[in-house]
């Protein structure tokens, strides 16, 4: 499994010949949008009602159970508003569980924590407002106890919205990291205790 990051909550996961894309963005963010063909796109935040686009890729949004080309995906609702659908996902591929918290802005309820409890690799907002604070993120990691945490939604060159680096997040959880271009991992290579794998553009 190979994981790349494009900024914000946008990740590319390559697994068994399948490409999964999470939360693609527009150039209005100040970042360069990903330009590759994905087999599956996960949207953790969409406007309601969502308008489907004609595409060969399978776009997933909202709570539910999905299975596409052998990839198992569970979607769990996150509190949003009448105009927004927010979803967290648990993806099962290569015997590894990936947990995507997406646009999480408040501490999750116990049910969501239970639903994501299997996550081996957790993708979590790590730049503070408008998403969960570093303190909440730290508590959440203790509750979920993943093997690897991958920061998302933090300050990067070119990003127009105001946010911070991962410094406060890393201090909160007592970890250090060296940013890397990609994360390549197999089930047998998962660490025994928590590791932070910060990716760079």
Foldseek 3Di string as FASTA:
>chain_A
DKWFDQAFQWIWDDAPNAIETEDFDDCVQQTDTDDDDHQEYEYQKDFPPHDDDDDNHHYDFAADWDADPNKTKGWDFDDDDPTMTGIWMWIAGLNATETERHQAQDQGDPVVLVVLLRHQEYEEAQFAPSHYHLLSVLVSCVSSFHLEYEYHNADDPRGDDDTHHNVVNCVNNVHDEDEDRMDDDHPVRRDPGYDYHYYHD
